């Protein structure tokens, strides 16, 4: 029963991590369908890294892992990088992704303290 209480402190961060993961996957897929996907390689790679890291961080928080804060710190770093890369591109999907990545980075940063 203690885990339920512990998990509640993470719930906002878990929710935004899962949302960020979904948006990063969507952005990556959209980038692959751009007229010149080679120009989007860095964005695609960071989208994939960010999506995977956000999902992993959410899982660690959900089980109240002793490593959750460390994962959140790394997740914040990756989200920042992904957000910066996505912000370089004019596409709506990249702008949306940059927005959620920046929000997730802030939430994960706060959680890692």
PDB file of N, CA and C in Angstrom:
ATOM      1  N   UNK A   1       0.817  -1.185   0.000  1.00  0.00           N
ATOM      2  CA  UNK A   1       0.000   0.000   0.000  1.00  0.00           C
ATOM      3  C   UNK A   1       0.868   1.259   0.000  1.00  0.00           C
ATOM      4  N   UNK A   2       2.063   1.190   0.580  1.00  0.00           N
ATOM      5  CA  UNK A   2       2.966   2.326   0.620  1.00  0.00           C
ATOM      6  C   UNK A   2       3.355   2.817  -0.764  1.00  0.00           C
ATOM      7  N   UNK A   3       3.467   1.899  -1.729  1.00  0.00           N
ATOM      8  CA  UNK A   3       3.828   2.279  -3.082  1.00  0.00           C
ATOM      9  C   UNK A   3       2.802   3.193  -3.724  1.00  0.00           C
ATOM     10  N   UNK A   4       1.524   3.000  -3.418  1.00  0.00           N
ATOM     11  CA  UNK A   4       0.487   3.841  -4.000  1.00  0.00           C
ATOM     12  C   UNK A   4       0.711   5.290  -3.586  1.00  0.00           C
ATOM     13  N   UNK A   5       1.003   5.511  -2.318  1.00  0.00           N
ATOM     14  CA  UNK A   5       1.270   6.863  -1.825  1.00  0.00           C
ATOM     15  C   UNK A   5       2.532   7.410  -2.478  1.00  0.00           C
ATOM     16  N   UNK A   6       3.587   6.609  -2.553  1.00  0.00           N
ATOM     17  CA  UNK A   6       4.843   7.041  -3.156  1.00  0.00           C
ATOM     18  C   UNK A   6       4.654   7.379  -4.628  1.00  0.00           C
ATOM     19  N   UNK A   7       3.903   6.558  -5.343  1.00  0.00           N
ATOM     20  CA  UNK A   7       3.707   6.776  -6.768  1.00  0.00           C
ATOM     21  C   UNK A   7       2.944   8.062  -7.052  1.00  0.00           C
ATOM     22  N   UNK A   8       2.079   8.479  -6.112  1.00  0.00           N
ATOM     23  CA  UNK A   8       1.306   9.700  -6.321  1.00  0.00           C
ATOM     24  C   UNK A   8       2.209  10.924  -6.425  1.00  0.00           C
ATOM     25  N   UNK A   9       3.316  10.924  -5.720  1.00  0.00           N
ATOM     26  CA  UNK A   9       4.229  12.073  -5.796  1.00  0.00           C
ATOM     27  C   UNK A   9       4.864  12.179  -7.178  1.00  0.00           C
ATOM     28  N   UNK A  10       4.917  11.073  -7.884  1.00  0.00           N
ATOM     29  CA  UNK A  10       5.502  11.040  -9.218  1.00  0.00           C
ATOM     30  C   UNK A  10       4.470  11.225 -10.333  1.00  0.00           C
ATOM     31  N   UNK A  11       3.187  11.183 -10.014  1.00  0.00           N
ATOM     32  CA  UNK A  11       2.167  11.051 -11.057  1.00  0.00           C
ATOM     33  C   UNK A  11       2.226  12.135 -12.129  1.00  0.00           C
ATOM     34  N   UNK A  12       2.407  13.380 -11.745  1.00  0.00           N
ATOM     35  CA  UNK A  12       2.474  14.453 -12.744  1.00  0.00           C
ATOM     36  C   UNK A  12       3.649  14.234 -13.688  1.00  0.00           C
ATOM     37  N   UNK A  13       4.780  13.858 -13.133  1.00  0.00           N
ATOM     38  CA  UNK A  13       5.972  13.616 -13.942  1.00  0.00           C
ATOM     39  C   UNK A  13       5.788  12.386 -14.832  1.00  0.00           C
ATOM     40  N   UNK A  14       5.192  11.345 -14.300  1.00  0.00           N
ATOM     41  CA  UNK A  14       4.910  10.146 -15.099  1.00  0.00           C
ATOM     42  C   UNK A  14       4.028  10.517 -16.284  1.00  0.00           C
ATOM     43  N   UNK A  15       2.971  11.269 -16.015  1.00  0.00           N
ATOM     44  CA  UNK A  15       2.032  11.643 -17.078  1.00  0.00           C
ATOM     45  C   UNK A  15       2.707  12.447 -18.179  1.00  0.00           C
ATOM     46  N   UNK A  16       3.519  13.421 -17.803  1.00  0.00           N
ATOM     47  CA  UNK A  16       4.165  14.242 -18.825  1.00  0.00           C
ATOM     48  C   UNK A  16       5.242  13.454 -19.567  1.00  0.00           C
ATOM     49  N   UNK A  17       5.921  12.532 -18.880  1.00  0.00           N
ATOM     50  CA  UNK A  17       6.906  11.673 -19.557  1.00  0.00           C
ATOM     51  C   UNK A  17       6.230  10.802 -20.614  1.00  0.00           C
ATOM     52  N   UNK A  18       5.090  10.232 -20.264  1.00  0.00           N
ATOM     53  CA  UNK A  18       4.385   9.376 -21.222  1.00  0.00           C
ATOM     54  C   UNK A  18       3.853  10.192 -22.399  1.00  0.00           C
ATOM     55  N   UNK A  19       3.365  11.391 -22.126  1.00  0.00           N
ATOM     56  CA  UNK A  19       2.905  12.266 -23.206  1.00  0.00           C
ATOM     57  C   UNK A  19       4.076  12.652 -24.109  1.00  0.00           C
ATOM     58  N   UNK A  20       5.196  12.990 -23.511  1.00  0.00           N
ATOM     59  CA  UNK A  20       6.383  13.363 -24.271  1.00  0.00           C
ATOM     60  C   UNK A  20       6.854  12.206 -25.152  1.00  0.00           C
ATOM     61  N   UNK A  21       6.833  11.007 -24.609  1.00  0.00           N
ATOM     62  CA  UNK A  21       7.229   9.829 -25.373  1.00  0.00           C
ATOM     63  C   UNK A  21       6.360   9.672 -26.619  1.00  0.00           C
ATOM     64  N   UNK A  22       5.063   9.823 -26.448  1.00  0.00           N
ATOM     65  CA  UNK A  22       4.138   9.691 -27.583  1.00  0.00           C
ATOM     66  C   UNK A  22       4.383  10.769 -28.632  1.00  0.00           C
ATOM     67  N   UNK A  23       4.566  12.004 -28.187  1.00  0.00           N
ATOM     68  CA  UNK A  23       4.778  13.109 -29.125  1.00  0.00           C
ATOM     69  C   UNK A  23       6.114  12.946 -29.855  1.00  0.00           C
ATOM     70  N   UNK A  24       7.140  12.476 -29.157  1.00  0.00           N
ATOM     71  CA  UNK A  24       8.435  12.237 -29.802  1.00  0.00           C
ATOM     72  C   UNK A  24       8.337  11.143 -30.861  1.00  0.00           C
ATOM     73  N   UNK A  25       7.602  10.089 -30.565  1.00  0.00           N
ATOM     74  CA  UNK A  25       7.404   9.021 -31.562  1.00  0.00           C
ATOM     75  C   UNK A  25       6.684   9.572 -32.788  1.00  0.00           C
ATOM     76  N   UNK A  26       5.658  10.387 -32.540  1.00  0.00           N
ATOM     77  CA  UNK A  26       4.889  11.002 -33.625  1.00  0.00           C
ATOM     78  C   UNK A  26       5.781  11.926 -34.454  1.00  0.00           C
ATOM     79  N   UNK A  27       6.582  12.745 -33.785  1.00  0.00           N
ATOM     80  CA  UNK A  27       7.474  13.673 -34.476  1.00  0.00           C
ATOM     81  C   UNK A  27       8.482  12.912 -35.342  1.00  0.00           C
ATOM     82  N   UNK A  28       9.049  11.869 -34.784  1.00  0.00           N
ATOM     83  CA  UNK A  28      10.010  11.052 -35.524  1.00  0.00           C
ATOM     84  C   UNK A  28       9.382  10.487 -36.795  1.00  0.00           C
ATOM     85  N   UNK A  29       8.180   9.976 -36.663  1.00  0.00           N
ATOM     86  CA  UNK A  29       7.469   9.420 -37.809  1.00  0.00           C
ATOM     87  C   UNK A  29       7.184  10.502 -38.851  1.00  0.00           C
ATOM     88  N   UNK A  30       6.761  11.669 -38.402  1.00  0.00           N
ATOM     89  CA  UNK A  30       6.503  12.783 -39.323  1.00  0.00           C
ATOM     90  C   UNK A  30       7.786  13.214 -40.026  1.00  0.00           C
ATOM     91  N   UNK A  31       8.893  13.250 -39.296  1.00  0.00           N
ATOM     92  CA  UNK A  31      10.180  13.631 -39.888  1.00  0.00           C
ATOM     93  C   UNK A  31      10.587  12.662 -40.993  1.00  0.00           C
ATOM     94  N   UNK A  32      10.307  11.389 -40.784  1.00  0.00           N
ATOM     95  CA  UNK A  32      10.634  10.381 -41.797  1.00  0.00           C
ATOM     96  C   UNK A  32       9.844  10.593 -43.082  1.00  0.00           C
ATOM     97  N   UNK A  33       8.698  11.253 -42.965  1.00  0.00           N
ATOM     98  CA  UNK A  33       7.846  11.499 -44.127  1.00  0.00           C
ATOM     99  C   UNK A  33       8.044  12.885 -44.736  1.00  0.00           C
ATOM    100  N   UNK A  34       9.010  13.625 -44.234  1.00  0.00           N
ATOM    101  CA  UNK A  34       9.325  14.937 -44.809  1.00  0.00           C
ATOM    102  C   UNK A  34       9.974  14.737 -46.187  1.00  0.00           C
ATOM    103  N   UNK A  35       9.913  15.764 -47.049  1.00  0.00           N
ATOM    104  CA  UNK A  35      10.508  15.645 -48.390  1.00  0.00           C
ATOM    105  C   UNK A  35      11.992  15.271 -48.369  1.00  0.00           C
ATOM    106  N   UNK A  36      12.728  15.758 -47.362  1.00  0.00           N
ATOM    107  CA  UNK A  36      14.155  15.435 -47.242  1.00  0.00           C
ATOM    108  C   UNK A  36      14.445  14.886 -45.844  1.00  0.00           C
ATOM    109  N   UNK A  37      14.108  13.605 -45.613  1.00  0.00           N
ATOM    110  CA  UNK A  37      14.312  13.044 -44.271  1.00  0.00           C
ATOM    111  C   UNK A  37      15.774  13.035 -43.826  1.00  0.00           C
ATOM    112  N   UNK A  38      16.710  13.067 -44.774  1.00  0.00           N
ATOM    113  CA  UNK A  38      18.129  13.096 -44.397  1.00  0.00           C
ATOM    114  C   UNK A  38      18.467  14.367 -43.623  1.00  0.00           C
ATOM    115  N   UNK A  39      17.751  15.439 -43.913  1.00  0.00           N
ATOM    116  CA  UNK A  39      17.976  16.698 -43.201  1.00  0.00           C
ATOM    117  C   UNK A  39      17.438  16.631 -41.775  1.00  0.00           C
ATOM    118  N   UNK A  40      16.661  15.589 -41.492  1.00  0.00           N
ATOM    119  CA  UNK A  40      16.011  15.457 -40.189  1.00  0.00           C
ATOM    120  C   UNK A  40      16.639  14.360 -39.327  1.00  0.00           C
ATOM    121  N   UNK A  41      17.772  13.810 -39.755  1.00  0.00           N
ATOM    122  CA  UNK A  41      18.376  12.662 -39.071  1.00  0.00           C
ATOM    123  C   UNK A  41      18.625  12.932 -37.587  1.00  0.00           C
ATOM    124  N   UNK A  42      19.207  14.068 -37.265  1.00  0.00           N
ATOM    125  CA  UNK A  42      19.499  14.379 -35.859  1.00  0.00           C
ATOM    126  C   UNK A  42      18.202  14.466 -35.058  1.00  0.00           C
ATOM    127  N   UNK A  43      17.199  15.087 -35.628  1.00  0.00           N
ATOM    128  CA  UNK A  43      15.899  15.214 -34.964  1.00  0.00           C
ATOM    129  C   UNK A  43      15.280  13.831 -34.733  1.00  0.00           C
ATOM    130  N   UNK A  44      15.326  13.003 -35.746  1.00  0.00           N
ATOM    131  CA  UNK A  44      14.752  11.655 -35.652  1.00  0.00           C
ATOM    132  C   UNK A  44      15.446  10.848 -34.552  1.00  0.00           C
ATOM    133  N   UNK A  45      16.773  10.906 -34.527  1.00  0.00           N
ATOM    134  CA  UNK A  45      17.523  10.160 -33.507  1.00  0.00           C
ATOM    135  C   UNK A  45      17.202  10.653 -32.099  1.00  0.00           C
ATOM    136  N   UNK A  46      17.189  11.967 -31.928  1.00  0.00           N
ATOM    137  CA  UNK A  46      16.882  12.515 -30.601  1.00  0.00           C
ATOM    138  C   UNK A  46      15.440  12.229 -30.196  1.00  0.00           C
ATOM    139  N   UNK A  47      14.519  12.275 -31.165  1.00  0.00           N
ATOM    140  CA  UNK A  47      13.126  11.912 -30.871  1.00  0.00           C
ATOM    141  C   UNK A  47      13.058  10.491 -30.321  1.00  0.00           C
ATOM    142  N   UNK A  48      13.775   9.584 -30.961  1.00  0.00           N
ATOM    143  CA  UNK A  48      13.761   8.179 -30.526  1.00  0.00           C
ATOM    144  C   UNK A  48      14.401   8.015 -29.153  1.00  0.00           C
ATOM    145  N   UNK A  49      15.538   8.669 -28.948  1.00  0.00           N
ATOM    146  CA  UNK A  49      16.198   8.608 -27.636  1.00  0.00           C
ATOM    147  C   UNK A  49      15.288   9.161 -26.549  1.00  0.00           C
ATOM    148  N   UNK A  50      14.674  10.289 -26.840  1.00  0.00           N
ATOM    149  CA  UNK A  50      13.822  10.950 -25.857  1.00  0.00           C
ATOM    150  C   UNK A  50      12.589  10.096 -25.543  1.00  0.00           C
ATOM    151  N   UNK A  51      11.971   9.546 -26.580  1.00  0.00           N
ATOM    152  CA  UNK A  51      10.789   8.703 -26.367  1.00  0.00           C
ATOM    153  C   UNK A  51      11.132   7.513 -25.475  1.00  0.00           C
ATOM    154  N   UNK A  52      12.235   6.847 -25.771  1.00  0.00           N
ATOM    155  CA  UNK A  52      12.635   5.684 -24.970  1.00  0.00           C
ATOM    156  C   UNK A  52      12.978   6.078 -23.536  1.00  0.00           C
ATOM    157  N   UNK A  53      13.707   7.186 -23.385  1.00  0.00           N
ATOM    158  CA  UNK A  53      14.106   7.618 -22.042  1.00  0.00           C
ATOM    159  C   UNK A  53      12.901   8.025 -21.216  1.00  0.00           C
ATOM    160  N   UNK A  54      11.958   8.718 -21.830  1.00  0.00           N
ATOM    161  CA  UNK A  54      10.750   9.143 -21.104  1.00  0.00           C
ATOM    162  C   UNK A  54       9.944   7.934 -20.633  1.00  0.00           C
ATOM    163  N   UNK A  55       9.827   6.935 -21.487  1.00  0.00           N
ATOM    164  CA  UNK A  55       9.101   5.720 -21.110  1.00  0.00           C
ATOM    165  C   UNK A  55       9.809   5.013 -19.964  1.00  0.00           C
ATOM    166  N   UNK A  56      11.131   4.917 -20.059  1.00  0.00           N
ATOM    167  CA  UNK A  56      11.908   4.260 -19.007  1.00  0.00           C
ATOM    168  C   UNK A  56      11.800   5.019 -17.684  1.00  0.00           C
ATOM    169  N   UNK A  57      11.920   6.329 -17.732  1.00  0.00           N
ATOM    170  CA  UNK A  57      11.811   7.133 -16.508  1.00  0.00           C
ATOM    171  C   UNK A  57      10.435   6.950 -15.873  1.00  0.00           C
ATOM    172  N   UNK A  58       9.391   6.925 -16.695  1.00  0.00           N
ATOM    173  CA  UNK A  58       8.028   6.729 -16.173  1.00  0.00           C
ATOM    174  C   UNK A  58       7.902   5.374 -15.484  1.00  0.00           C
ATOM    175  N   UNK A  59       8.502   4.354 -16.055  1.00  0.00           N
ATOM    176  CA  UNK A  59       8.454   3.018 -15.445  1.00  0.00           C
ATOM    177  C   UNK A  59       9.177   3.003 -14.096  1.00  0.00           C
ATOM    178  N   UNK A  60      10.334   3.644 -14.033  1.00  0.00           N
ATOM    179  CA  UNK A  60      11.091   3.681 -12.779  1.00  0.00           C
ATOM    180  C   UNK A  60      10.329   4.434 -11.701  1.00  0.00           C
ATOM    181  N   UNK A  61       9.683   5.531 -12.102  1.00  0.00           N
ATOM    182  CA  UNK A  61       8.885   6.282 -11.124  1.00  0.00           C
ATOM    183  C   UNK A  61       7.667   5.484 -10.681  1.00  0.00           C
ATOM    184  N   UNK A  62       7.033   4.792 -11.609  1.00  0.00           N
ATOM    185  CA  UNK A  62       5.818   4.034 -11.287  1.00  0.00           C
ATOM    186  C   UNK A  62       6.085   2.954 -10.252  1.00  0.00           C
ATOM    187  N   UNK A  63       7.293   2.399 -10.282  1.00  0.00           N
ATOM    188  CA  UNK A  63       7.602   1.356  -9.298  1.00  0.00           C
ATOM    189  C   UNK A  63       8.397   1.903  -8.116  1.00  0.00           C
ATOM    190  N   UNK A  64       8.494   3.231  -8.044  1.00  0.00           N
ATOM    191  CA  UNK A  64       9.183   3.899  -6.941  1.00  0.00           C
ATOM    192  C   UNK A  64      10.609   3.368  -6.775  1.00  0.00           C
ATOM    193  N   UNK A  65      11.295   3.232  -7.900  1.00  0.00           N
ATOM    194  CA  UNK A  65      12.666   2.729  -7.896  1.00  0.00           C
ATOM    195  C   UNK A  65      13.600   3.688  -7.167  1.00  0.00           C
ATOM    196  N   UNK A  66      14.603   3.113  -6.526  1.00  0.00           N
ATOM    197  CA  UNK A  66      15.618   3.932  -5.859  1.00  0.00           C
ATOM    198  C   UNK A  66      16.419   4.761  -6.865  1.00  0.00           C
ATOM    199  N   UNK A  67      16.328   4.401  -8.147  1.00  0.00           N
ATOM    200  CA  UNK A  67      17.065   5.106  -9.192  1.00  0.00           C
ATOM    201  C   UNK A  67      16.201   6.103  -9.960  1.00  0.00           C
ATOM    202  N   UNK A  68      14.963   6.286  -9.545  1.00  0.00           N
ATOM    203  CA  UNK A  68      14.027   7.151 -10.275  1.00  0.00           C
ATOM    204  C   UNK A  68      14.564   8.574 -10.442  1.00  0.00           C
ATOM    205  N   UNK A  69      15.133   9.134  -9.394  1.00  0.00           N
ATOM    206  CA  UNK A  69      15.626  10.512  -9.477  1.00  0.00           C
ATOM    207  C   UNK A  69      16.791  10.631 -10.457  1.00  0.00           C
ATOM    208  N   UNK A  70      17.653   9.629 -10.470  1.00  0.00           N
ATOM    209  CA  UNK A  70      18.772   9.646 -11.410  1.00  0.00           C
ATOM    210  C   UNK A  70      18.272   9.544 -12.850  1.00  0.00           C
ATOM    211  N   UNK A  71      17.276   8.695 -13.059  1.00  0.00           N
ATOM    212  CA  UNK A  71      16.700   8.554 -14.398  1.00  0.00           C
ATOM    213  C   UNK A  71      16.020   9.847 -14.816  1.00  0.00           C
ATOM    214  N   UNK A  72      15.351  10.499 -13.878  1.00  0.00           N
ATOM    215  CA  UNK A  72      14.691  11.776 -14.176  1.00  0.00           C
ATOM    216  C   UNK A  72      15.711  12.842 -14.563  1.00  0.00           C
ATOM    217  N   UNK A  73      16.853  12.838 -13.920  1.00  0.00           N
ATOM    218  CA  UNK A  73      17.904  13.795 -14.251  1.00  0.00           C
ATOM    219  C   UNK A  73      18.395  13.582 -15.684  1.00  0.00           C
ATOM    220  N   UNK A  74      18.661  12.341 -16.042  1.00  0.00           N
ATOM    221  CA  UNK A  74      19.091  12.021 -17.402  1.00  0.00           C
ATOM    222  C   UNK A  74      17.979  12.321 -18.401  1.00  0.00           C
ATOM    223  N   UNK A  75      16.760  12.003 -18.039  1.00  0.00           N
ATOM    224  CA  UNK A  75      15.617  12.270 -18.907  1.00  0.00           C
ATOM    225  C   UNK A  75      15.515  13.773 -19.186  1.00  0.00           C
ATOM    226  N   UNK A  76      15.722  14.585 -18.171  1.00  0.00           N
ATOM    227  CA  UNK A  76      15.674  16.041 -18.348  1.00  0.00           C
ATOM    228  C   UNK A  76      16.725  16.505 -19.357  1.00  0.00           C
ATOM    229  N   UNK A  77      17.928  15.945 -19.268  1.00  0.00           N
ATOM    230  CA  UNK A  77      19.003  16.318 -20.192  1.00  0.00           C
ATOM    231  C   UNK A  77      18.646  15.956 -21.628  1.00  0.00           C
ATOM    232  N   UNK A  78      18.124  14.748 -21.814  1.00  0.00           N
ATOM    233  CA  UNK A  78      17.776  14.289 -23.158  1.00  0.00           C
ATOM    234  C   UNK A  78      16.603  15.091 -23.708  1.00  0.00           C
ATOM    235  N   UNK A  79      15.620  15.366 -22.866  1.00  0.00           N
ATOM    236  CA  UNK A  79      14.476  16.176 -23.300  1.00  0.00           C
ATOM    237  C   UNK A  79      14.927  17.571 -23.732  1.00  0.00           C
ATOM    238  N   UNK A  80      15.862  18.162 -22.992  1.00  0.00           N
ATOM    239  CA  UNK A  80      16.382  19.489 -23.360  1.00  0.00           C
ATOM    240  C   UNK A  80      17.036  19.444 -24.737  1.00  0.00           C
ATOM    241  N   UNK A  81      17.878  18.445 -24.950  1.00  0.00           N
ATOM    242  CA  UNK A  81      18.563  18.310 -26.243  1.00  0.00           C
ATOM    243  C   UNK A  81      17.561  18.113 -27.375  1.00  0.00           C
ATOM    244  N   UNK A  82      16.581  17.264 -27.142  1.00  0.00           N
ATOM    245  CA  UNK A  82      15.568  16.994 -28.160  1.00  0.00           C
ATOM    246  C   UNK A  82      14.760  18.262 -28.436  1.00  0.00           C
ATOM    247  N   UNK A  83      14.386  18.966 -27.382  1.00  0.00           N
ATOM    248  CA  UNK A  83      13.637  20.205 -27.543  1.00  0.00           C
ATOM    249  C   UNK A  83      14.410  21.248 -28.335  1.00  0.00           C
ATOM    250  N   UNK A  84      15.704  21.360 -28.060  1.00  0.00           N
ATOM    251  CA  UNK A  84      16.548  22.316 -28.784  1.00  0.00           C
ATOM    252  C   UNK A  84      16.636  21.953 -30.262  1.00  0.00           C
ATOM    253  N   UNK A  85      16.802  20.676 -30.552  1.00  0.00           N
ATOM    254  CA  UNK A  85      16.890  20.238 -31.946  1.00  0.00           C
ATOM    255  C   UNK A  85      15.570  20.456 -32.671  1.00  0.00           C
ATOM    256  N   UNK A  86      14.483  20.066 -32.040  1.00  0.00           N
ATOM    257  CA  UNK A  86      13.170  20.225 -32.683  1.00  0.00           C
ATOM    258  C   UNK A  86      12.849  21.692 -32.940  1.00  0.00           C
ATOM    259  N   UNK A  87      13.289  22.566 -32.052  1.00  0.00           N
ATOM    260  CA  UNK A  87      13.015  24.001 -32.199  1.00  0.00           C
ATOM    261  C   UNK A  87      13.713  24.603 -33.423  1.00  0.00           C
ATOM    262  N   UNK A  88      14.708  23.919 -33.951  1.00  0.00           N
ATOM    263  CA  UNK A  88      15.426  24.406 -35.135  1.00  0.00           C
ATOM    264  C   UNK A  88      14.610  24.257 -36.413  1.00  0.00           C
ATOM    265  N   UNK A  89      13.575  23.421 -36.372  1.00  0.00           N
ATOM    266  CA  UNK A  89      12.815  23.098 -37.578  1.00  0.00           C
ATOM    267  C   UNK A  89      11.467  23.814 -37.585  1.00  0.00           C
ATOM    268  N   UNK A  90      11.023  24.237 -38.777  1.00  0.00           N
ATOM    269  CA  UNK A  90       9.782  25.019 -38.870  1.00  0.00           C
ATOM    270  C   UNK A  90       8.494  24.186 -38.845  1.00  0.00           C
ATOM    271  N   UNK A  91       8.616  22.883 -38.917  1.00  0.00           N
ATOM    272  CA  UNK A  91       7.434  22.019 -39.001  1.00  0.00           C
ATOM    273  C   UNK A  91       6.620  22.063 -37.711  1.00  0.00           C
ATOM    274  N   UNK A  92       5.301  21.989 -37.856  1.00  0.00           N
ATOM    275  CA  UNK A  92       4.422  22.007 -36.679  1.00  0.00           C
ATOM    276  C   UNK A  92       4.722  20.853 -35.728  1.00  0.00           C
ATOM    277  N   UNK A  93       4.986  19.666 -36.295  1.00  0.00           N
ATOM    278  CA  UNK A  93       5.250  18.513 -35.426  1.00  0.00           C
ATOM    279  C   UNK A  93       6.519  18.725 -34.609  1.00  0.00           C
ATOM    280  N   UNK A  94       7.509  19.368 -35.182  1.00  0.00           N
ATOM    281  CA  UNK A  94       8.741  19.652 -34.440  1.00  0.00           C
ATOM    282  C   UNK A  94       8.503  20.722 -33.376  1.00  0.00           C
ATOM    283  N   UNK A  95       7.722  21.723 -33.708  1.00  0.00           N
ATOM    284  CA  UNK A  95       7.418  22.774 -32.725  1.00  0.00           C
ATOM    285  C   UNK A  95       6.622  22.205 -31.549  1.00  0.00           C
ATOM    286  N   UNK A  96       5.647  21.340 -31.844  1.00  0.00           N
ATOM    287  CA  UNK A  96       4.877  20.687 -30.777  1.00  0.00           C
ATOM    288  C   UNK A  96       5.777  19.813 -29.917  1.00  0.00           C
ATOM    289  N   UNK A  97       6.690  19.111 -30.567  1.00  0.00           N
ATOM    290  CA  UNK A  97       7.606  18.231 -29.845  1.00  0.00           C
ATOM    291  C   UNK A  97       8.548  19.058 -28.964  1.00  0.00           C
ATOM    292  N   UNK A  98       9.058  20.159 -29.497  1.00  0.00           N
ATOM    293  CA  UNK A  98       9.943  21.023 -28.706  1.00  0.00           C
ATOM    294  C   UNK A  98       9.231  21.511 -27.450  1.00  0.00           C
ATOM    295  N   UNK A  99       7.975  21.864 -27.596  1.00  0.00           N
ATOM    296  CA  UNK A  99       7.189  22.366 -26.468  1.00  0.00           C
ATOM    297  C   UNK A  99       7.051  21.313 -25.366  1.00  0.00           C
ATOM    298  N   UNK A 100       6.633  20.110 -25.723  1.00  0.00           N
ATOM    299  CA  UNK A 100       6.437  19.060 -24.710  1.00  0.00           C
ATOM    300  C   UNK A 100       7.783  18.627 -24.136  1.00  0.00           C
ATOM    301  N   UNK A 101       8.828  18.596 -24.947  1.00  0.00           N
ATOM    302  CA  UNK A 101      10.154  18.223 -24.438  1.00  0.00           C
ATOM    303  C   UNK A 101      10.626  19.220 -23.382  1.00  0.00           C
ATOM    304  N   UNK A 102      10.406  20.492 -23.632  1.00  0.00           N
ATOM    305  CA  UNK A 102      10.820  21.511 -22.660  1.00  0.00           C
ATOM    306  C   UNK A 102      10.009  21.411 -21.377  1.00  0.00           C
ATOM    307  N   UNK A 103       8.723  21.151 -21.495  1.00  0.00           N
ATOM    308  CA  UNK A 103       7.888  20.971 -20.305  1.00  0.00           C
ATOM    309  C   UNK A 103       8.317  19.735 -19.524  1.00  0.00           C
ATOM    310  N   UNK A 104       8.602  18.655 -20.240  1.00  0.00           N
ATOM    311  CA  UNK A 104       9.022  17.410 -19.593  1.00  0.00           C
ATOM    312  C   UNK A 104      10.386  17.593 -18.924  1.00  0.00           C
ATOM    313  N   UNK A 105      11.289  18.298 -19.583  1.00  0.00           N
ATOM    314  CA  UNK A 105      12.614  18.548 -18.999  1.00  0.00           C
ATOM    315  C   UNK A 105      12.483  19.279 -17.670  1.00  0.00           C
ATOM    316  N   UNK A 106      11.623  20.273 -17.630  1.00  0.00           N
ATOM    317  CA  UNK A 106      11.414  21.034 -16.393  1.00  0.00           C
ATOM    318  C   UNK A 106      10.838  20.153 -15.295  1.00  0.00           C
ATOM    319  N   UNK A 107       9.838  19.362 -15.639  1.00  0.00           N
ATOM    320  CA  UNK A 107       9.200  18.484 -14.651  1.00  0.00           C
ATOM    321  C   UNK A 107      10.187  17.434 -14.138  1.00  0.00           C
ATOM    322  N   UNK A 108      10.960  16.836 -15.044  1.00  0.00           N
ATOM    323  CA  UNK A 108      11.939  15.821 -14.636  1.00  0.00           C
ATOM    324  C   UNK A 108      13.062  16.435 -13.804  1.00  0.00           C
ATOM    325  N   UNK A 109      13.471  17.641 -14.166  1.00  0.00           N
ATOM    326  CA  UNK A 109      14.493  18.339 -13.390  1.00  0.00           C
ATOM    327  C   UNK A 109      14.019  18.544 -11.950  1.00  0.00           C
ATOM    328  N   UNK A 110      12.788  18.999 -11.817  1.00  0.00           N
ATOM    329  CA  UNK A 110      12.218  19.202 -10.481  1.00  0.00           C
ATOM    330  C   UNK A 110      12.125  17.886  -9.711  1.00  0.00           C
ATOM    331  N   UNK A 111      11.768  16.822 -10.396  1.00  0.00           N
ATOM    332  CA  UNK A 111      11.615  15.516  -9.751  1.00  0.00           C
ATOM    333  C   UNK A 111      12.967  14.949  -9.324  1.00  0.00           C
ATOM    334  N   UNK A 112      14.028  15.310 -10.030  1.00  0.00           N
ATOM    335  CA  UNK A 112      15.344  14.726  -9.738  1.00  0.00           C
ATOM    336  C   UNK A 112      16.008  15.339  -8.509  1.00  0.00           C
ATOM    337  N   UNK A 113      15.425  16.388  -7.962  1.00  0.00           N
ATOM    338  CA  UNK A 113      16.033  17.073  -6.807  1.00  0.00           C
ATOM    339  C   UNK A 113      15.662  16.418  -5.503  1.00  0.00           C
TER     340      UNK A 113
END
